[in-house]
Amino acid sequence: EERFLLLTSETPRREVALILGGTGNALLNVQALPWGKIGIDQKGNLRDSPVVRQALKPGNHTVWVYHPPTQEWLQASFEAAPSQQIRCVADFSKEATLSCL
């Protein structure tokens, strides 16, 4: 079973949503709000958010989220199993936090 995150103009602006899922590989979606730079498995090669349906092999992974206006970095590490769904949310609105479910 695959699940998708639909981001619209009504999506809350100060969170990062990360969903992993699919069959075999995991799929990674990252939305940094209000905006941010995303690094997957390395802090370099940052790209603008959102990152949509990035395939990941099962195993250990790390996601970095950088918020340039505040120069804050958030990091989450997780182990993705085949077809596992993982959702992480970063919030830069007050105290910067990143949590994964």
N, C-alpha and C. Protein backbone atom coordinates (compact mmCIF):
# COMPACT_ATOMS: atom_id res chain seq x y z
N GLU A 1 0.85 -1.18 0.00
CA GLU A 1 0.00 0.00 0.00
C GLU A 1 0.89 1.24 0.00
N GLU A 2 0.62 2.17 -0.89
CA GLU A 2 1.34 3.43 -0.94
C GLU A 2 0.44 4.53 -0.42
N ARG A 3 1.04 5.48 0.28
CA ARG A 3 0.32 6.66 0.73
C ARG A 3 1.03 7.88 0.17
N PHE A 4 0.28 8.92 -0.10
CA PHE A 4 0.83 10.12 -0.69
C PHE A 4 0.46 11.32 0.17
N LEU A 5 1.29 12.33 0.12
CA LEU A 5 1.03 13.59 0.81
C LEU A 5 0.69 14.62 -0.26
N LEU A 6 -0.48 15.18 -0.17
CA LEU A 6 -0.91 16.21 -1.10
C LEU A 6 -0.65 17.56 -0.46
N LEU A 7 0.24 18.34 -1.07
CA LEU A 7 0.57 19.66 -0.57
C LEU A 7 -0.19 20.69 -1.40
N THR A 8 -0.95 21.52 -0.73
CA THR A 8 -1.72 22.55 -1.41
C THR A 8 -1.36 23.90 -0.81
N SER A 9 -1.97 24.94 -1.33
CA SER A 9 -1.74 26.27 -0.77
C SER A 9 -2.28 26.38 0.65
N GLU A 10 -3.11 25.42 1.07
CA GLU A 10 -3.66 25.43 2.42
C GLU A 10 -2.82 24.61 3.40
N THR A 11 -1.77 23.94 2.91
CA THR A 11 -0.89 23.17 3.80
C THR A 11 -0.22 24.13 4.77
N PRO A 12 -0.15 23.79 6.08
CA PRO A 12 0.51 24.68 7.04
C PRO A 12 1.91 25.05 6.57
N ARG A 13 2.30 26.31 6.73
CA ARG A 13 3.52 26.81 6.11
C ARG A 13 4.78 26.49 6.89
N ARG A 14 4.71 26.15 8.17
CA ARG A 14 5.93 26.01 8.95
C ARG A 14 6.13 24.58 9.42
N GLU A 15 6.15 23.66 8.48
CA GLU A 15 6.46 22.30 8.84
C GLU A 15 7.13 21.60 7.67
N VAL A 16 7.80 20.53 7.96
CA VAL A 16 8.42 19.70 6.94
C VAL A 16 7.76 18.34 7.05
N ALA A 17 7.22 17.84 5.95
CA ALA A 17 6.59 16.53 5.96
C ALA A 17 7.46 15.57 5.20
N LEU A 18 7.69 14.43 5.78
CA LEU A 18 8.53 13.41 5.18
C LEU A 18 7.76 12.09 5.21
N ILE A 19 7.54 11.51 4.07
CA ILE A 19 6.82 10.24 4.00
C ILE A 19 7.65 9.26 3.22
N LEU A 20 7.86 8.10 3.80
CA LEU A 20 8.56 7.04 3.10
C LEU A 20 7.57 5.91 2.86
N GLY A 21 7.61 5.30 1.71
CA GLY A 21 6.70 4.19 1.48
C GLY A 21 6.88 3.60 0.11
N GLY A 22 6.06 2.61 -0.21
CA GLY A 22 6.10 1.95 -1.50
C GLY A 22 6.46 0.48 -1.34
N THR A 23 6.70 -0.17 -2.43
CA THR A 23 7.09 -1.57 -2.40
C THR A 23 8.55 -1.67 -2.80
N GLY A 24 9.32 -2.43 -2.05
CA GLY A 24 10.75 -2.53 -2.32
C GLY A 24 11.46 -1.32 -1.77
N ASN A 25 11.63 -0.31 -2.59
CA ASN A 25 12.26 0.93 -2.14
C ASN A 25 11.28 1.77 -1.33
N ALA A 26 11.85 2.61 -0.51
CA ALA A 26 11.06 3.63 0.18
C ALA A 26 10.97 4.84 -0.75
N LEU A 27 9.95 5.63 -0.56
CA LEU A 27 9.81 6.89 -1.31
C LEU A 27 9.86 8.03 -0.31
N LEU A 28 10.64 9.04 -0.62
CA LEU A 28 10.85 10.16 0.28
C LEU A 28 10.22 11.42 -0.28
N ASN A 29 9.40 12.07 0.53
CA ASN A 29 8.84 13.38 0.22
C ASN A 29 9.22 14.31 1.36
N VAL A 30 9.80 15.46 1.02
CA VAL A 30 10.17 16.45 2.04
C VAL A 30 9.63 17.80 1.61
N GLN A 31 8.87 18.42 2.48
CA GLN A 31 8.37 19.77 2.24
C GLN A 31 8.86 20.64 3.39
N ALA A 32 9.70 21.60 3.09
CA ALA A 32 10.21 22.50 4.12
C ALA A 32 9.42 23.80 4.07
N LEU A 33 8.84 24.14 5.18
CA LEU A 33 8.03 25.34 5.25
C LEU A 33 8.49 26.22 6.41
N PRO A 34 8.64 27.50 6.24
CA PRO A 34 8.19 28.22 5.08
C PRO A 34 8.98 27.87 3.82
N TRP A 35 10.22 27.51 3.95
CA TRP A 35 11.02 26.98 2.86
C TRP A 35 12.35 26.55 3.46
N GLY A 36 13.09 25.81 2.72
CA GLY A 36 14.37 25.36 3.24
C GLY A 36 15.17 24.62 2.19
N LYS A 37 16.32 24.18 2.61
CA LYS A 37 17.22 23.38 1.79
C LYS A 37 17.27 21.99 2.40
N ILE A 38 17.20 20.96 1.54
CA ILE A 38 17.11 19.58 1.98
C ILE A 38 18.34 18.82 1.55
N GLY A 39 18.92 18.06 2.46
CA GLY A 39 20.02 17.13 2.17
C GLY A 39 19.59 15.73 2.55
N ILE A 40 19.83 14.77 1.68
CA ILE A 40 19.46 13.39 1.94
C ILE A 40 20.72 12.54 1.96
N ASP A 41 21.01 11.92 3.09
CA ASP A 41 22.15 11.05 3.31
C ASP A 41 23.50 11.76 3.22
N GLN A 42 23.51 13.03 3.04
CA GLN A 42 24.73 13.84 3.15
C GLN A 42 24.32 15.29 3.31
N LYS A 43 25.14 16.03 4.02
CA LYS A 43 24.80 17.42 4.29
C LYS A 43 25.05 18.31 3.07
N GLY A 44 25.90 17.87 2.16
CA GLY A 44 26.17 18.61 0.94
C GLY A 44 25.08 18.36 -0.08
N ASN A 45 25.24 18.92 -1.25
CA ASN A 45 24.26 18.75 -2.34
C ASN A 45 22.85 19.10 -1.89
N LEU A 46 22.71 20.23 -1.24
CA LEU A 46 21.38 20.65 -0.78
C LEU A 46 20.54 21.08 -1.97
N ARG A 47 19.25 20.79 -1.87
CA ARG A 47 18.31 21.22 -2.91
C ARG A 47 17.12 21.89 -2.25
N ASP A 48 16.49 22.76 -3.02
CA ASP A 48 15.32 23.47 -2.51
C ASP A 48 14.17 22.51 -2.26
N SER A 49 13.39 22.81 -1.25
CA SER A 49 12.18 22.04 -1.01
C SER A 49 11.12 22.48 -2.01
N PRO A 50 10.19 21.63 -2.37
CA PRO A 50 10.01 20.28 -1.86
C PRO A 50 10.82 19.24 -2.63
N VAL A 51 11.07 18.12 -1.97
CA VAL A 51 11.60 16.92 -2.61
C VAL A 51 10.44 15.95 -2.67
N VAL A 52 10.13 15.46 -3.87
CA VAL A 52 8.93 14.64 -4.05
C VAL A 52 9.30 13.28 -4.63
N ARG A 53 8.84 12.23 -3.98
CA ARG A 53 8.96 10.84 -4.44
C ARG A 53 10.39 10.44 -4.76
N GLN A 54 11.32 10.79 -3.86
CA GLN A 54 12.71 10.38 -3.98
C GLN A 54 12.83 8.93 -3.52
N ALA A 55 13.27 8.04 -4.40
CA ALA A 55 13.42 6.62 -4.04
C ALA A 55 14.63 6.46 -3.12
N LEU A 56 14.45 5.65 -2.08
CA LEU A 56 15.52 5.31 -1.15
C LEU A 56 15.58 3.80 -1.00
N LYS A 57 16.78 3.25 -0.96
CA LYS A 57 16.92 1.83 -0.68
C LYS A 57 16.64 1.59 0.79
N PRO A 58 16.12 0.41 1.14
CA PRO A 58 15.94 0.10 2.55
C PRO A 58 17.28 0.20 3.28
N GLY A 59 17.24 0.66 4.52
CA GLY A 59 18.46 0.81 5.32
C GLY A 59 18.44 2.11 6.09
N ASN A 60 19.61 2.47 6.59
CA ASN A 60 19.74 3.68 7.40
C ASN A 60 19.89 4.91 6.52
N HIS A 61 19.18 5.96 6.90
CA HIS A 61 19.21 7.22 6.15
C HIS A 61 19.19 8.39 7.12
N THR A 62 19.68 9.52 6.65
CA THR A 62 19.64 10.76 7.41
C THR A 62 19.15 11.88 6.49
N VAL A 63 18.28 12.70 7.02
CA VAL A 63 17.77 13.86 6.30
C VAL A 63 18.16 15.10 7.10
N TRP A 64 18.70 16.10 6.39
CA TRP A 64 19.01 17.40 6.98
C TRP A 64 18.08 18.43 6.37
N VAL A 65 17.62 19.34 7.21
CA VAL A 65 16.81 20.46 6.74
C VAL A 65 17.47 21.73 7.25
N TYR A 66 17.78 22.64 6.33
CA TYR A 66 18.43 23.91 6.68
C TYR A 66 17.47 25.06 6.40
N HIS A 67 17.31 25.93 7.37
CA HIS A 67 16.44 27.10 7.23
C HIS A 67 17.34 28.33 7.17
N PRO A 68 17.66 28.83 5.94
CA PRO A 68 18.62 29.93 5.79
C PRO A 68 18.33 31.20 6.59
N PRO A 69 17.07 31.66 6.70
CA PRO A 69 16.84 32.91 7.45
C PRO A 69 17.31 32.84 8.91
N THR A 70 17.18 31.66 9.53
CA THR A 70 17.59 31.52 10.93
C THR A 70 18.92 30.78 11.07
N GLN A 71 19.46 30.28 9.97
CA GLN A 71 20.69 29.49 9.93
C GLN A 71 20.61 28.27 10.84
N GLU A 72 19.41 27.70 10.96
CA GLU A 72 19.21 26.52 11.80
C GLU A 72 19.23 25.26 10.94
N TRP A 73 19.86 24.21 11.48
CA TRP A 73 19.89 22.89 10.86
C TRP A 73 19.07 21.94 11.72
N LEU A 74 18.29 21.08 11.08
CA LEU A 74 17.61 19.99 11.77
C LEU A 74 18.06 18.70 11.10
N GLN A 75 18.16 17.64 11.88
CA GLN A 75 18.63 16.36 11.37
C GLN A 75 17.78 15.25 11.96
N ALA A 76 17.42 14.28 11.12
CA ALA A 76 16.70 13.09 11.58
C ALA A 76 17.31 11.88 10.90
N SER A 77 17.59 10.85 11.69
CA SER A 77 18.09 9.58 11.15
C SER A 77 17.05 8.51 11.41
N PHE A 78 16.94 7.58 10.48
CA PHE A 78 15.93 6.53 10.59
C PHE A 78 16.38 5.33 9.77
N GLU A 79 15.77 4.20 10.05
CA GLU A 79 15.98 3.00 9.25
C GLU A 79 14.70 2.74 8.47
N ALA A 80 14.81 2.70 7.16
CA ALA A 80 13.65 2.45 6.30
C ALA A 80 13.65 0.99 5.88
N ALA A 81 12.58 0.29 6.22
CA ALA A 81 12.40 -1.09 5.78
C ALA A 81 11.65 -1.09 4.45
N PRO A 82 11.74 -2.17 3.68
CA PRO A 82 10.97 -2.21 2.43
C PRO A 82 9.50 -1.93 2.70
N SER A 83 8.93 -1.05 1.94
CA SER A 83 7.51 -0.67 2.00
C SER A 83 7.11 0.03 3.29
N GLN A 84 8.07 0.40 4.11
CA GLN A 84 7.75 1.10 5.36
C GLN A 84 7.39 2.55 5.07
N GLN A 85 6.45 3.06 5.83
CA GLN A 85 6.04 4.46 5.73
C GLN A 85 6.57 5.20 6.95
N ILE A 86 7.36 6.24 6.72
CA ILE A 86 7.90 7.06 7.80
C ILE A 86 7.55 8.51 7.49
N ARG A 87 7.07 9.21 8.50
CA ARG A 87 6.74 10.63 8.31
C ARG A 87 7.48 11.45 9.35
N CYS A 88 8.25 12.42 8.89
CA CYS A 88 8.95 13.35 9.79
C CYS A 88 8.41 14.75 9.55
N VAL A 89 8.31 15.51 10.63
CA VAL A 89 7.83 16.89 10.52
C VAL A 89 8.80 17.80 11.26
N ALA A 90 9.31 18.80 10.55
CA ALA A 90 10.16 19.83 11.16
C ALA A 90 9.35 21.11 11.26
N ASP A 91 9.54 21.83 12.34
CA ASP A 91 8.79 23.06 12.57
C ASP A 91 9.78 24.15 12.98
N PHE A 92 9.90 25.19 12.18
CA PHE A 92 10.79 26.30 12.47
C PHE A 92 10.06 27.50 13.08
N SER A 93 8.78 27.35 13.42
CA SER A 93 7.97 28.51 13.84
C SER A 93 8.35 29.06 15.21
N LYS A 94 8.71 28.20 16.14
CA LYS A 94 9.09 28.66 17.49
C LYS A 94 10.47 28.10 17.77
N GLU A 95 10.52 27.02 18.52
CA GLU A 95 11.77 26.31 18.72
C GLU A 95 11.86 25.27 17.61
N ALA A 96 12.91 25.28 16.84
CA ALA A 96 13.03 24.36 15.70
C ALA A 96 13.04 22.91 16.18
N THR A 97 12.12 22.10 15.63
CA THR A 97 12.02 20.70 16.00
C THR A 97 11.82 19.85 14.75
N LEU A 98 12.28 18.62 14.85
CA LEU A 98 12.09 17.64 13.79
C LEU A 98 11.74 16.32 14.45
N SER A 99 10.55 15.78 14.13
CA SER A 99 10.13 14.50 14.73
C SER A 99 9.72 13.55 13.61
N CYS A 100 9.98 12.29 13.84
CA CYS A 100 9.66 11.26 12.88
C CYS A 100 8.71 10.24 13.51
N LEU A 101 7.71 9.84 12.75
CA LEU A 101 6.73 8.85 13.21
C LEU A 101 6.95 7.55 12.49
